Each structure stands twice: as structure tokens, then as C-alpha cells.
Protein backbone atom coordinates (compact mmCIF):
# COMPACT_ATOMS: atom_id res chain seq x y z
CA THR A 1 -0.53 -8.12 16.57
CA ASP A 2 -2.28 -6.58 19.69
CA ALA A 3 -4.25 -9.24 21.16
CA LYS A 4 -4.63 -6.71 24.42
CA ARG A 5 -6.70 -4.41 21.65
CA PHE A 6 -9.38 -7.13 20.16
CA VAL A 7 -10.17 -7.73 24.16
CA SER A 8 -10.65 -3.42 24.51
CA ASP A 9 -12.19 -3.32 21.32
CA VAL A 10 -14.00 -6.47 20.96
CA VAL A 11 -14.54 -8.22 23.69
CA GLY A 12 -14.97 -4.81 25.90
CA PHE A 13 -18.37 -4.78 24.63
CA SER A 14 -20.95 -5.33 27.56
CA GLU A 15 -22.46 -7.86 25.81
CA PHE A 16 -20.14 -10.08 23.49
CA ASN A 17 -21.08 -12.85 21.77
CA HIS A 18 -20.44 -14.93 18.20
CA GLU A 19 -23.33 -12.52 17.02
CA THR A 20 -21.02 -9.16 17.85
CA LEU A 21 -18.36 -10.75 16.44
CA ASN A 22 -20.22 -11.65 13.37
CA GLY A 23 -22.01 -8.06 12.92
CA MET A 24 -18.52 -6.14 13.22
CA ILE A 25 -16.47 -8.44 10.76
CA LYS A 26 -19.22 -9.83 7.80
CA PRO A 27 -19.78 -6.45 6.60
CA HIS A 28 -15.63 -5.86 6.16
CA ILE A 29 -15.98 -9.82 4.65
CA ASN A 30 -18.58 -8.30 1.96
CA LYS A 31 -16.45 -5.06 1.28
CA LEU A 32 -13.40 -6.99 0.43
CA LEU A 33 -14.73 -9.68 -1.42
CA ALA A 34 -16.48 -7.56 -3.60
CA ASP A 35 -13.13 -5.05 -3.96
CA VAL A 36 -11.26 -8.15 -4.62
CA LEU A 37 -14.11 -9.14 -7.10
CA MET A 38 -13.81 -5.63 -9.24
CA LYS A 39 -10.06 -6.03 -9.13
CA LYS A 40 -10.13 -9.04 -10.87
CA ILE A 41 -12.55 -7.24 -13.25
CA GLU A 42 -10.72 -4.24 -13.85
CA THR A 43 -7.07 -4.07 -13.36
CA ASP A 44 -6.57 -8.16 -13.96
CA LYS A 45 -9.42 -8.05 -16.66
CA VAL A 46 -10.61 -11.10 -16.51
CA PRO A 47 -14.20 -11.31 -18.28
CA LEU A 48 -16.94 -11.34 -16.03
CA GLN A 49 -18.04 -14.54 -17.61
CA LEU A 50 -14.29 -16.42 -16.29
CA LEU A 51 -15.01 -14.96 -12.71
CA SER A 52 -16.59 -18.75 -11.78
CA VAL A 53 -13.46 -20.45 -12.19
CA LYS A 54 -10.99 -17.57 -10.55
CA THR A 55 -12.37 -19.16 -7.11
CA ASP A 56 -9.43 -20.41 -5.47
CA ALA A 57 -7.83 -17.08 -6.22
CA VAL A 58 -10.52 -15.00 -4.96
CA GLY A 59 -10.74 -17.01 -2.21
CA THR A 60 -6.25 -16.31 -1.79
CA GLU A 61 -6.54 -12.48 -2.20
CA THR A 62 -10.14 -11.81 0.30
CA ARG A 63 -8.02 -13.97 2.51
CA GLU A 64 -4.84 -11.97 2.69
CA ALA A 65 -7.24 -8.37 2.48
CA LEU A 66 -9.33 -9.61 5.77
CA ASN A 67 -5.76 -10.63 7.26
CA ASN A 68 -4.42 -7.23 6.59
CA TYR A 69 -7.97 -5.86 8.27
CA ILE A 70 -8.08 -8.07 10.90
CA GLY A 71 -4.29 -8.39 11.77
CA GLY A 72 -3.79 -5.61 14.07
CA TYR A 73 -6.48 -7.22 16.13
CA GLY A 74 -3.97 -10.50 17.05
CA LEU A 75 -5.75 -12.64 14.30
CA GLU A 76 -4.89 -14.72 11.41
CA ILE A 77 -7.74 -16.22 8.99
CA THR A 78 -5.53 -19.34 7.47
CA GLY A 79 -8.61 -20.30 5.22
CA PHE A 80 -10.97 -18.91 2.57
CA THR A 81 -12.97 -20.53 0.36
CA VAL A 82 -15.09 -19.30 -2.04
CA ASP A 83 -17.03 -22.19 -2.76
CA ASN A 84 -19.25 -20.48 -5.72
CA ILE A 85 -19.69 -16.79 -8.05
CA SER A 86 -22.51 -17.48 -9.92
CA LEU A 87 -24.25 -14.59 -12.13
CA PRO A 88 -27.60 -13.52 -12.57
CA SER A 89 -29.35 -14.52 -15.37
């Protein structure tokens, strides 16, 4: 972990606030969550209609992927919950 890198890369912005951090991390969360869902469907062969019962596994795998992304900044996500996976009707 490298807290100095975090301060330099993120807090180093002249107008750092929670919106700046949110804007930097949210797109990565969305992408990593999509990657985990696709892995469940394609590699793990979970049928689309059964994804809603796999929220714990999706949350755990997404948290692990996020920690791989942000770990270099000296941060760790200790919990990530997926409450619901809804399919369009």
C-alpha cells in the first residue's frame, strides 16, 4: 500500500472533496461489477434468471476486484453488498 501515492494522486487535486473521489472510483466500481456479473454468466455458467440468488458471491467478488484496484493507494474495502439484481421484464 502507498498512502503517499493516494495523497499525491487523489488528494493532490486542488478541489478535492467526496465528489472528486466519487467521480474517480464510481466508474471503476460499475465496470468491475459488470465484469463480475459477466464472469458469473459466462465462466461460472450461472443462468441469468438465477443471478438474483447469487448477490453474496457477486458482492464478495466485486469487493475483491475493487481491493485489487485501490490497494495500491493504501485503501481497503472491507464490505461490499449487492442488495438486489433485477432483470428487465
